Every structure is written in C-alpha cells, then in structure tokens.
C-alpha cells in the first residue's frame, strides 16, 4: 500500500509513526499509528523506525507500506539540550529561556551577568546541543555578552552558538566565533518590557535539524526521513499556534511519562496588561520535569499525600511495586488517572500568572505577574495519559473548577474542552510547516473525534 505522508515521533523510549493520506485532496485522513521501542541506544534510529512501521502495517492489515514523504519529530538522545546566558535574570535571561523552551528545548543552564568559573565548569559538564547568548537591549549594555562570548569561545567546544542580544554586538560576535557555527538573530529583548522570541525560536529549530545527525544513534536519520525534523515539544507548540491562528486562544496540556508540558498561545486581556509588571510571550511553554506520571510518579504521590491516597482507597504498596508505563487493569488505570489529575493541576498552577497586592508610599497597588490565560477559549489535552484514559476531559475540566480570583486563569464559562483523540499533535505541528491547511483539518478531526 502506498500513502502520501508518514510522520515519525522519535521519543526517548518509544518511536511512533503516524500515517496520513489524501494530503493533496479536500479530505485528508489519518490512517493509523504504529510504535516500537526507540533504538537510539542501539546505535541506529532506523531499527526503531522500521519496527514502528512494521507494527503499523500489522494494525492496518497490509503486507507493506510505501510513502511519498516522511517528516519527523525527535526528543531521543536526551532531547534538545540548551544553555542560555543573559544579562538580567528577569529580562534578557528570561527572554532567552522563553525562546529556547518555545522551540522545544530542555534548558539545563540559565545564567545572568558575567559567567563565573563555576558556571563554565557546569557548562562543560552539560555539553549542550546549542548555546544561546543574549544580553542588553538594542544600543544598551554591551560588555557582558561580549565577555561571556569570549569565555565560551576559549573553551574550544564544537557546539552551535546563537547570538540574540544587543544588535550592536553582532559584528563583534562574528569575530569572536570566527570559524565556528554561529547564527546571528534579532534581539530577544530589544526594548524594556518587549519580548521578541519568535526569530530565535525559528533559528533554534533550524540549528537543531542541521545538527540532529550528530546525536548518538541518529547519524542515519536522513536515510529514512525526507522532510523536516523538529524537536517534539517544538512541534506541539507549532500545532498550538496553528490552533490559535485559526480558532482562538488556546491552552494545551501535554502529560507524559517524564514531564508535563503546558503550551499557551494568547495575548491576554488589555485590562490586565496595564498592571503587568513584566512582559510575557504570546506563545509560552513551561516544562515540569518533576511531574511525569511514570518516571516521577513518586513525586506525584507525595504531592497528593500518601495518607490521602490511602483514604481514597488506593493500595499504594501494591500499586507502587507493580507500577508500569501503561496500566494493565482497572485498578492501575484509576491510579494513573489520579496521578494525571495532580500533574495537570500542579503544572497549570505553575504556568498561570497571579494577581498580587503590594503596599507602597501611595498605598495598596494591584499588580499582575506571569502568563495571563483569561482569554483562553480552548483547553486541549494531548500526551499518552490524557488521550488514552477514559476520563481525560473530566481531568481537564478541573482546571476551570479550581480557579480562584488571584489566578490569571480562564473564566468558567465559554471554554471548550477537547482531546487529541488520535494523539497526533506533534505530527501535525511538523506537518503544518509544509501543509498548513491540511494539518489543521487533520487536527480538527482528531479534536472533534471524527
């Protein structure tokens, strides 16, 4: 059987392939999904890809599968590891971090000000895939970014570097990193309280794709993949932005085995923007590495409270001993559902901005800090936990139910709860880079359960 497009999601533990046909028609369709263990640690990503395709052919009850194009997302080999270095922690360093996270990176190191010996030691141990240097508004402070660049250059590391700071430093950066892989980008913080993260995000993804073959086990990836490769979280963000552009402001909750990621695309309300103390990006991603429902399930047990779970009827000793990535019976499914609920509520609370009251010489002032979600019209659940549990929508409804007046969270009325039934958001994100209208139709089918 021949189809139009195959999209692979190469994860840390599992490789998934999604088959799509009718890409060049008015009625594109999702045909099915196959999966197999990721084979990066075996030294060749193609083994896992072939296994996932074999699983797909068996599910579709066909002998073989051919495709015209193959796209991919990747989070194997530790995902996209980045370090970001700015001038002030709440300004340029924060803007650089937002750019990296929104592109799908895992930010392992953030520094503000001049790099210290301890920073450089940690930097070398981390060995990031990409280094992002920022610092200074345009035509403002220059020396810190130059100092940091010189210190990094002295290490002689063969790591791609992106400079997204004061534009007056661009020529200097070209001289410092002469002969290195350097990308010069618009400043992520060009003016006070102005974020400009999208140009940096685009370049981060381009650099990731250019260098993905250097990751262990990924050297032959382009022997199979014919089109774009994007970091998996970046692909989910791309799909989230697609939804916002076409349907309205959106919040996406992605619960996984290792992390819970929240993506939101909204500018918030004009009223609250007047009391915001610092700028927030329109498209924001937060990653909660302690809220995975498999790798970090013990953290979730502690967040809920062991006594409370026992009172709710869970046999914690038995469930912990037999805990698996995929629940095998009704008791385990109820337990995973409870953990997923906690992961969602904890992650949303961290992602959401807050209203605070401060007191000064003129009396009490009300300020807003963090991401304003009050204009969100859609909450969408994706990831293995939410899309495969029976009560995924019920869990998401609790986001609205738990709201309080001091949270910049969406209103209780006029919010639609949707699930990515086919579990294809990441695939849709990378597919949309070439076939935007088709990708939107496929995603709407998944969200509406068509």
Protein backbone atom coordinates (compact mmCIF):
# COMPACT_ATOMS: atom_id res chain seq x y z
CA UNK A 1 0.00 0.00 0.00
CA UNK A 2 1.25 3.49 -0.84
CA UNK A 3 0.34 6.60 1.17
CA UNK A 4 1.20 10.28 0.99
CA UNK A 5 2.92 11.01 4.30
CA UNK A 6 4.43 9.21 7.26
CA UNK A 7 5.39 11.21 10.37
CA UNK A 8 7.71 9.68 12.96
CA UNK A 9 7.95 10.78 16.58
CA UNK A 10 11.30 9.53 17.87
CA UNK A 11 11.00 9.59 21.63
CA UNK A 12 13.37 8.64 24.42
CA UNK A 13 11.73 5.25 24.94
CA UNK A 14 9.23 4.81 22.09
CA UNK A 15 9.19 5.59 18.38
CA UNK A 16 5.72 6.27 16.95
CA UNK A 17 4.76 6.57 13.28
CA UNK A 18 1.53 8.19 12.06
CA UNK A 19 0.20 7.55 8.56
CA UNK A 20 -1.71 10.19 6.57
CA UNK A 21 -3.26 10.05 3.12
CA UNK A 22 -5.26 12.36 0.87
CA UNK A 23 -2.83 15.19 1.64
CA UNK A 24 -3.41 16.72 -1.78
CA UNK A 25 -7.21 16.45 -1.61
CA UNK A 26 -10.02 18.22 0.23
CA UNK A 27 -10.41 15.27 2.61
CA UNK A 28 -7.08 14.28 4.15
CA UNK A 29 -7.24 11.35 6.55
CA UNK A 30 -5.35 9.80 9.43
CA UNK A 31 -4.92 6.09 8.71
CA UNK A 32 -3.29 4.69 11.82
CA UNK A 33 -0.44 4.63 14.28
CA UNK A 34 2.36 2.15 14.93
CA UNK A 35 5.01 2.06 17.62
CA UNK A 36 8.17 0.26 18.68
CA UNK A 37 10.98 0.75 21.20
CA UNK A 38 13.34 3.58 20.25
CA UNK A 39 16.67 2.21 19.02
CA UNK A 40 18.92 5.24 19.51
CA UNK A 41 20.85 3.48 22.28
CA UNK A 42 21.44 0.58 19.89
CA UNK A 43 23.31 3.00 17.67
CA UNK A 44 20.82 3.26 14.79
CA UNK A 45 17.49 5.08 14.86
CA UNK A 46 16.37 3.18 11.75
CA UNK A 47 15.83 -0.04 13.72
CA UNK A 48 13.07 1.54 15.85
CA UNK A 49 11.55 3.27 12.83
CA UNK A 50 11.34 0.01 10.91
CA UNK A 51 9.80 -1.67 13.96
CA UNK A 52 7.15 1.06 14.27
CA UNK A 53 6.31 0.80 10.56
CA UNK A 54 6.00 -2.97 10.89
CA UNK A 55 3.62 -2.51 13.82
CA UNK A 56 1.59 -0.04 11.73
CA UNK A 57 1.29 -2.44 8.78
CA UNK A 58 0.09 -5.19 11.11
CA UNK A 59 -2.57 -2.92 12.61
CA UNK A 60 -3.69 -1.83 9.14
CA UNK A 61 -3.65 -5.47 8.00
CA UNK A 62 -1.47 -4.78 4.95
CA UNK A 63 1.67 -6.51 3.68
CA UNK A 64 3.87 -3.45 3.14
CA UNK A 65 3.77 0.33 3.30
CA UNK A 66 5.32 2.89 0.98
CA UNK A 67 5.17 6.66 1.37
CA UNK A 68 5.98 9.74 -0.70
CA UNK A 69 7.25 11.90 2.18
CA UNK A 70 8.41 11.32 5.72
CA UNK A 71 8.61 14.01 8.42
CA UNK A 72 9.87 13.51 11.97
CA UNK A 73 9.96 14.97 15.45
CA UNK A 74 12.64 13.93 17.90
CA UNK A 75 13.20 14.00 21.65
CA UNK A 76 15.54 11.00 21.80
CA UNK A 77 19.17 11.20 22.99
CA UNK A 78 18.09 13.49 25.83
CA UNK A 79 16.08 15.88 23.68
CA UNK A 80 17.39 19.30 22.63
CA UNK A 81 19.66 20.40 25.47
CA UNK A 82 20.40 24.11 25.67
CA UNK A 83 22.15 26.60 27.88
CA UNK A 84 21.07 30.26 27.84
CA UNK A 85 23.08 33.24 29.03
CA UNK A 86 21.73 36.76 29.51
CA UNK A 87 22.35 39.99 31.40
CA UNK A 88 19.50 40.26 33.94
CA UNK A 89 17.63 37.17 35.16
CA UNK A 90 14.14 38.70 34.81
CA UNK A 91 14.84 40.37 31.46
CA UNK A 92 17.26 39.08 28.83
CA UNK A 93 17.92 35.73 30.56
CA UNK A 94 14.17 35.16 30.88
CA UNK A 95 13.59 36.13 27.23
CA UNK A 96 16.33 33.74 26.09
CA UNK A 97 14.80 30.95 28.18
CA UNK A 98 11.33 31.60 26.69
CA UNK A 99 12.80 31.40 23.18
CA UNK A 100 14.52 28.10 23.94
CA UNK A 101 11.53 26.47 25.64
CA UNK A 102 9.13 27.54 22.91
CA UNK A 103 11.42 25.96 20.31
CA UNK A 104 11.18 22.63 22.13
CA UNK A 105 14.42 22.70 24.10
CA UNK A 106 15.20 21.43 27.57
CA UNK A 107 17.04 24.29 29.27
CA UNK A 108 19.69 22.81 31.54
CA UNK A 109 21.52 26.01 32.46
CA UNK A 110 20.48 29.66 32.77
CA UNK A 111 22.96 32.35 33.78
CA UNK A 112 22.65 36.11 34.25
CA UNK A 113 25.57 38.51 34.25
CA UNK A 114 29.17 37.57 33.61
CA UNK A 115 29.96 33.85 33.58
CA UNK A 116 31.83 32.63 36.64
CA UNK A 117 34.26 29.72 36.88
CA UNK A 118 31.54 27.56 38.44
CA UNK A 119 29.19 28.42 35.55
CA UNK A 120 31.81 27.43 32.99
CA UNK A 121 32.55 24.17 34.81
CA UNK A 122 28.86 23.25 34.80
CA UNK A 123 28.64 24.34 31.18
CA UNK A 124 31.40 21.96 30.10
CA UNK A 125 29.86 19.08 32.07
CA UNK A 126 26.46 19.75 30.49
CA UNK A 127 27.80 19.86 26.91
CA UNK A 128 24.59 21.40 25.49
CA UNK A 129 23.46 20.86 21.90
CA UNK A 130 23.03 24.61 21.37
CA UNK A 131 24.25 27.70 23.25
CA UNK A 132 22.09 30.85 23.27
CA UNK A 133 23.78 34.12 24.23
CA UNK A 134 21.68 37.24 24.88
CA UNK A 135 22.19 40.41 26.90
CA UNK A 136 21.43 44.10 26.67
CA UNK A 137 18.59 45.90 24.94
CA UNK A 138 19.41 47.22 21.48
CA UNK A 139 22.00 50.00 21.76
CA UNK A 140 22.27 49.38 25.51
CA UNK A 141 24.78 47.45 27.63
CA UNK A 142 27.32 45.54 25.51
CA UNK A 143 30.16 44.28 27.66
CA UNK A 144 28.52 41.34 29.47
CA UNK A 145 27.53 39.47 26.30
CA UNK A 146 30.99 40.08 24.78
CA UNK A 147 32.70 38.83 27.96
CA UNK A 148 30.52 35.71 28.04
CA UNK A 149 31.13 35.03 24.36
CA UNK A 150 34.91 35.28 24.81
CA UNK A 151 34.83 32.90 27.78
CA UNK A 152 32.76 30.37 25.84
CA UNK A 153 35.00 30.71 22.77
CA UNK A 154 38.07 29.95 24.91
CA UNK A 155 36.64 26.52 25.71
CA UNK A 156 37.02 25.48 22.04
CA UNK A 157 33.81 23.44 22.11
CA UNK A 158 32.28 22.37 18.80
CA UNK A 159 28.76 23.47 19.76
CA UNK A 160 26.46 25.68 17.63
CA UNK A 161 26.02 29.17 19.06
CA UNK A 162 23.10 31.55 18.60
CA UNK A 163 23.53 35.22 19.48
CA UNK A 164 20.25 37.05 20.17
CA UNK A 165 21.31 40.08 22.18
CA UNK A 166 22.11 43.77 21.62
CA UNK A 167 22.38 44.16 17.83
CA UNK A 168 25.42 46.45 18.24
CA UNK A 169 27.40 43.33 19.21
CA UNK A 170 26.72 41.28 16.10
CA UNK A 171 29.94 42.20 14.29
CA UNK A 172 31.93 41.57 17.46
CA UNK A 173 30.30 38.13 17.84
CA UNK A 174 31.25 37.24 14.28
CA UNK A 175 34.90 37.99 15.12
CA UNK A 176 34.84 36.12 18.45
CA UNK A 177 33.32 32.99 16.92
CA UNK A 178 35.10 33.17 13.57
CA UNK A 179 35.26 29.68 12.08
CA UNK A 180 32.54 28.42 14.45
CA UNK A 181 28.89 27.63 13.73
CA UNK A 182 27.34 30.96 14.71
CA UNK A 183 23.82 32.24 14.00
CA UNK A 184 23.00 35.92 14.47
CA UNK A 185 19.36 36.64 15.32
CA UNK A 186 17.22 39.64 16.27
CA UNK A 187 17.45 40.59 19.95
CA UNK A 188 15.09 38.55 22.17
CA UNK A 189 14.70 41.64 24.41
CA UNK A 190 15.11 44.68 22.11
CA UNK A 191 13.44 47.17 24.46
CA UNK A 192 12.50 47.23 28.11
CA UNK A 193 9.36 45.08 28.61
CA UNK A 194 9.35 43.91 24.98
CA UNK A 195 9.92 40.26 24.14
CA UNK A 196 10.87 39.20 20.61
CA UNK A 197 11.36 35.45 20.91
CA UNK A 198 9.96 34.09 17.63
CA UNK A 199 13.03 34.80 15.41
CA UNK A 200 15.28 32.99 17.89
CA UNK A 201 12.85 30.06 18.14
CA UNK A 202 12.89 29.63 14.37
CA UNK A 203 16.68 29.57 14.23
CA UNK A 204 16.92 27.18 17.19
CA UNK A 205 14.77 24.68 15.31
CA UNK A 206 16.82 25.16 12.13
CA UNK A 207 20.08 24.58 14.01
CA UNK A 208 18.57 21.53 15.72
CA UNK A 209 17.62 20.00 12.37
CA UNK A 210 21.03 20.75 10.88
CA UNK A 211 22.83 19.07 13.79
CA UNK A 212 20.46 16.22 14.68
CA UNK A 213 22.65 13.71 12.81
CA UNK A 214 25.44 14.29 15.35
CA UNK A 215 23.34 12.90 18.21
CA UNK A 216 24.14 9.30 19.22
CA UNK A 217 22.23 6.80 17.10
CA UNK A 218 20.80 9.50 14.79
CA UNK A 219 23.51 9.56 12.10
CA UNK A 220 21.35 7.71 9.56
CA UNK A 221 18.12 9.56 10.29
CA UNK A 222 18.05 11.31 6.89
CA UNK A 223 18.43 7.95 5.16
CA UNK A 224 14.78 7.48 6.11
CA UNK A 225 13.33 10.94 6.78
CA UNK A 226 12.89 13.04 3.63
CA UNK A 227 11.44 16.23 5.12
CA UNK A 228 11.72 18.40 8.24
CA UNK A 229 12.85 17.14 11.66
CA UNK A 230 11.66 19.23 14.62
CA UNK A 231 12.07 18.86 18.41
CA UNK A 232 8.88 17.13 19.57
CA UNK A 233 7.84 19.83 22.10
CA UNK A 234 8.51 22.47 19.44
CA UNK A 235 6.18 20.61 17.09
CA UNK A 236 3.44 20.62 19.76
CA UNK A 237 3.94 24.38 20.14
CA UNK A 238 3.69 24.78 16.36
CA UNK A 239 0.35 22.93 16.42
CA UNK A 240 -0.80 25.10 19.33
CA UNK A 241 -0.02 28.27 17.37
CA UNK A 242 -1.87 26.86 14.38
CA UNK A 243 -4.98 26.37 16.54
CA UNK A 244 -4.74 29.90 17.92
CA UNK A 245 -4.37 31.42 14.46
CA UNK A 246 -7.42 29.59 13.13
CA UNK A 247 -9.73 29.00 16.09
CA UNK A 248 -8.79 31.26 19.00
CA UNK A 249 -6.67 31.49 22.16
CA UNK A 250 -5.69 28.08 23.41
CA UNK A 251 -4.11 26.16 26.29
CA UNK A 252 -2.59 22.73 25.56
CA UNK A 253 -1.80 20.27 28.34
CA UNK A 254 0.66 17.51 27.40
CA UNK A 255 1.07 14.91 30.15
CA UNK A 256 3.89 12.45 29.55
CA UNK A 257 5.80 9.79 31.39
CA UNK A 258 8.76 12.05 32.23
CA UNK A 259 7.35 15.61 32.13
CA UNK A 260 4.14 17.60 31.95
CA UNK A 261 4.34 20.41 29.41
CA UNK A 262 1.92 23.32 29.20
CA UNK A 263 1.66 25.36 25.99
CA UNK A 264 -0.43 28.52 25.81
CA UNK A 265 -0.89 30.96 22.95
CA UNK A 266 -2.76 34.10 23.99
CA UNK A 267 -2.02 37.78 24.45
CA UNK A 268 -4.31 38.01 27.46
CA UNK A 269 -6.59 40.92 28.26
CA UNK A 270 -5.94 44.61 27.71
CA UNK A 271 -7.12 45.39 31.24
CA UNK A 272 -4.58 43.08 32.88
CA UNK A 273 -1.78 44.17 30.54
CA UNK A 274 -1.92 47.59 32.18
CA UNK A 275 -0.88 46.16 35.53
CA UNK A 276 1.59 43.53 34.28
CA UNK A 277 4.98 44.08 35.88
CA UNK A 278 6.94 42.30 33.11
CA UNK A 279 6.33 41.19 29.56
CA UNK A 280 5.22 37.65 28.75
CA UNK A 281 5.47 35.97 25.33
CA UNK A 282 2.30 35.40 23.36
CA UNK A 283 3.33 31.75 22.95
CA UNK A 284 4.61 30.27 26.20
CA UNK A 285 5.76 26.77 27.14
CA UNK A 286 6.60 25.51 30.61
CA UNK A 287 8.16 22.13 31.32
CA UNK A 288 7.66 20.43 34.66
CA UNK A 289 10.33 17.75 34.92
CA UNK A 290 9.09 16.52 38.31
CA UNK A 291 5.53 15.81 37.15
CA UNK A 292 5.87 12.84 34.80
CA UNK A 293 3.28 10.17 35.52
CA UNK A 294 5.76 7.32 35.06
CA UNK A 295 9.35 8.40 35.70
CA UNK A 296 8.32 10.75 38.53
CA UNK A 297 5.17 9.08 39.80
CA UNK A 298 6.54 9.02 43.37
CA UNK A 299 6.71 12.83 43.29
CA UNK A 300 3.03 12.97 42.42
CA UNK A 301 2.22 10.56 45.24
CA UNK A 302 3.97 12.91 47.67
CA UNK A 303 2.23 15.99 46.23
CA UNK A 304 -1.17 14.40 46.78
CA UNK A 305 -0.16 12.85 50.12
CA UNK A 306 0.18 9.18 50.91
CA UNK A 307 -2.45 9.30 53.64
CA UNK A 308 -4.94 11.00 51.36
CA UNK A 309 -4.43 8.39 48.64
CA UNK A 310 -4.89 5.58 51.15
CA UNK A 311 -8.09 7.24 52.36
CA UNK A 312 -9.25 7.34 48.73
CA UNK A 313 -8.88 3.57 48.63
CA UNK A 314 -5.53 3.07 46.87
CA UNK A 315 -3.24 0.21 47.95
CA UNK A 316 -0.04 2.21 47.49
CA UNK A 317 2.36 -0.61 48.35
CA UNK A 318 0.82 -2.94 45.80
CA UNK A 319 0.43 -0.29 43.10
CA UNK A 320 3.99 1.03 43.52
CA UNK A 321 5.54 -2.41 43.22
CA UNK A 322 3.66 -3.20 40.02
CA UNK A 323 3.70 0.31 38.52
CA UNK A 324 4.11 0.24 34.73
CA UNK A 325 4.33 2.76 31.93
CA UNK A 326 0.97 1.50 30.62
CA UNK A 327 -1.64 0.39 33.19
CA UNK A 328 -2.72 -3.24 32.83
CA UNK A 329 -6.00 -3.34 34.78
CA UNK A 330 -8.83 -1.14 36.05
CA UNK A 331 -7.18 -0.51 39.44
CA UNK A 332 -3.98 0.72 37.80
CA UNK A 333 -5.93 2.90 35.36
CA UNK A 334 -7.74 4.64 38.23
CA UNK A 335 -4.40 5.20 39.97
CA UNK A 336 -2.76 6.65 36.85
CA UNK A 337 -5.81 8.83 36.34
CA UNK A 338 -5.44 10.25 39.86
CA UNK A 339 -1.75 10.95 39.27
CA UNK A 340 -2.52 12.58 35.92
CA UNK A 341 -5.06 14.87 37.57
CA UNK A 342 -2.44 16.01 40.08
CA UNK A 343 0.17 16.52 37.34
CA UNK A 344 -2.26 18.68 35.36
CA UNK A 345 -3.31 20.88 38.28
CA UNK A 346 0.25 21.34 39.58
CA UNK A 347 1.58 22.20 36.11
CA UNK A 348 -1.25 24.62 35.36
CA UNK A 349 -0.71 26.39 38.68
CA UNK A 350 2.97 26.90 37.82
CA UNK A 351 2.22 28.09 34.29
CA UNK A 352 -0.53 30.54 35.27
CA UNK A 353 0.12 34.12 36.31
CA UNK A 354 -1.07 35.60 39.58
CA UNK A 355 -2.63 38.78 40.93
CA UNK A 356 -0.73 40.28 43.86
CA UNK A 357 -1.33 43.22 46.15
CA UNK A 358 1.69 45.29 47.16
CA UNK A 359 1.96 48.20 49.52
CA UNK A 360 4.00 51.35 48.91
CA UNK A 361 4.09 55.06 49.73
CA UNK A 362 0.83 55.60 47.83
CA UNK A 363 -0.99 52.71 49.50
CA UNK A 364 -2.06 49.35 48.11
CA UNK A 365 -1.45 48.53 44.46
CA UNK A 366 -2.68 45.58 42.47
CA UNK A 367 -0.19 44.04 40.07
CA UNK A 368 -0.20 41.07 37.72
CA UNK A 369 2.79 38.83 37.11
CA UNK A 370 3.15 35.80 34.87
CA UNK A 371 1.08 34.45 31.99
CA UNK A 372 -2.47 35.81 31.58
CA UNK A 373 -4.82 32.99 30.48
CA UNK A 374 -8.09 34.82 30.99
CA UNK A 375 -8.89 34.99 27.26
CA UNK A 376 -8.34 31.29 26.50
CA UNK A 377 -11.29 29.68 24.68
CA UNK A 378 -9.99 26.12 24.24
CA UNK A 379 -8.28 23.66 26.58
CA UNK A 380 -6.78 20.75 24.69
CA UNK A 381 -5.35 17.58 26.17
CA UNK A 382 -2.64 15.55 24.45
CA UNK A 383 0.03 13.07 25.51
CA UNK A 384 -0.36 9.41 26.34
CA UNK A 385 -2.01 9.85 29.74
CA UNK A 386 -4.81 12.27 28.83
CA UNK A 387 -5.63 10.80 25.41
CA UNK A 388 -5.67 7.16 26.50
CA UNK A 389 -7.51 7.49 29.82
CA UNK A 390 -11.29 7.25 29.90
CA UNK A 391 -11.72 10.49 31.85
CA UNK A 392 -9.25 12.84 30.13
CA UNK A 393 -11.87 15.55 29.59
CA UNK A 394 -13.05 15.33 33.20
CA UNK A 395 -9.49 15.91 34.39
CA UNK A 396 -9.14 18.97 32.18
CA UNK A 397 -12.44 20.41 33.45
CA UNK A 398 -10.90 20.57 36.91
CA UNK A 399 -8.54 23.27 35.64
CA UNK A 400 -11.52 25.60 35.42
CA UNK A 401 -13.15 24.30 38.61
CA UNK A 402 -10.04 25.01 40.71
CA UNK A 403 -9.82 28.64 39.62
CA UNK A 404 -9.56 31.39 42.24
CA UNK A 405 -9.71 35.19 41.92
CA UNK A 406 -5.94 35.61 42.30
CA UNK A 407 -5.08 33.34 39.35
CA UNK A 408 -4.91 34.73 35.82
CA UNK A 409 -6.77 31.66 34.69
CA UNK A 410 -9.52 31.24 32.12
CA UNK A 411 -13.13 32.04 33.03
CA UNK A 412 -15.52 29.24 33.94
CA UNK A 413 -17.91 29.95 31.10
CA UNK A 414 -17.43 29.66 27.35
CA UNK A 415 -14.40 27.35 27.44
CA UNK A 416 -14.37 24.26 25.24
CA UNK A 417 -12.56 21.12 26.42
CA UNK A 418 -11.08 18.96 23.65
CA UNK A 419 -8.87 15.88 23.42
CA UNK A 420 -6.34 14.99 20.75
CA UNK A 421 -8.09 11.64 20.25
CA UNK A 422 -5.63 10.33 17.66
CA UNK A 423 -2.62 11.58 19.69
CA UNK A 424 -1.14 13.34 16.66
CA UNK A 425 -0.45 16.93 17.79
CA UNK A 426 3.33 16.67 17.44
CA UNK A 427 2.96 15.12 14.00
CA UNK A 428 0.52 17.85 12.99
CA UNK A 429 2.97 20.51 14.14
CA UNK A 430 5.78 19.35 11.88
CA UNK A 431 3.38 18.56 9.02
CA UNK A 432 1.97 22.11 9.20
CA UNK A 433 5.36 23.56 8.26
CA UNK A 434 4.66 22.39 4.69
CA UNK A 435 0.93 21.64 4.62
CA UNK A 436 -0.74 24.11 6.98
CA UNK A 437 -4.37 23.82 5.80
CA UNK A 438 -4.18 20.04 5.61
CA UNK A 439 -2.63 19.84 9.07
CA UNK A 440 -5.44 21.96 10.53
CA UNK A 441 -8.13 19.71 9.01
CA UNK A 442 -6.44 16.58 10.38
CA UNK A 443 -6.09 18.12 13.83
CA UNK A 444 -9.71 19.30 13.88
CA UNK A 445 -10.78 15.74 13.04
CA UNK A 446 -8.77 14.44 15.97
CA UNK A 447 -10.08 17.07 18.37
CA UNK A 448 -13.71 16.59 17.33
CA UNK A 449 -13.42 12.81 17.40
CA UNK A 450 -14.18 12.46 13.69
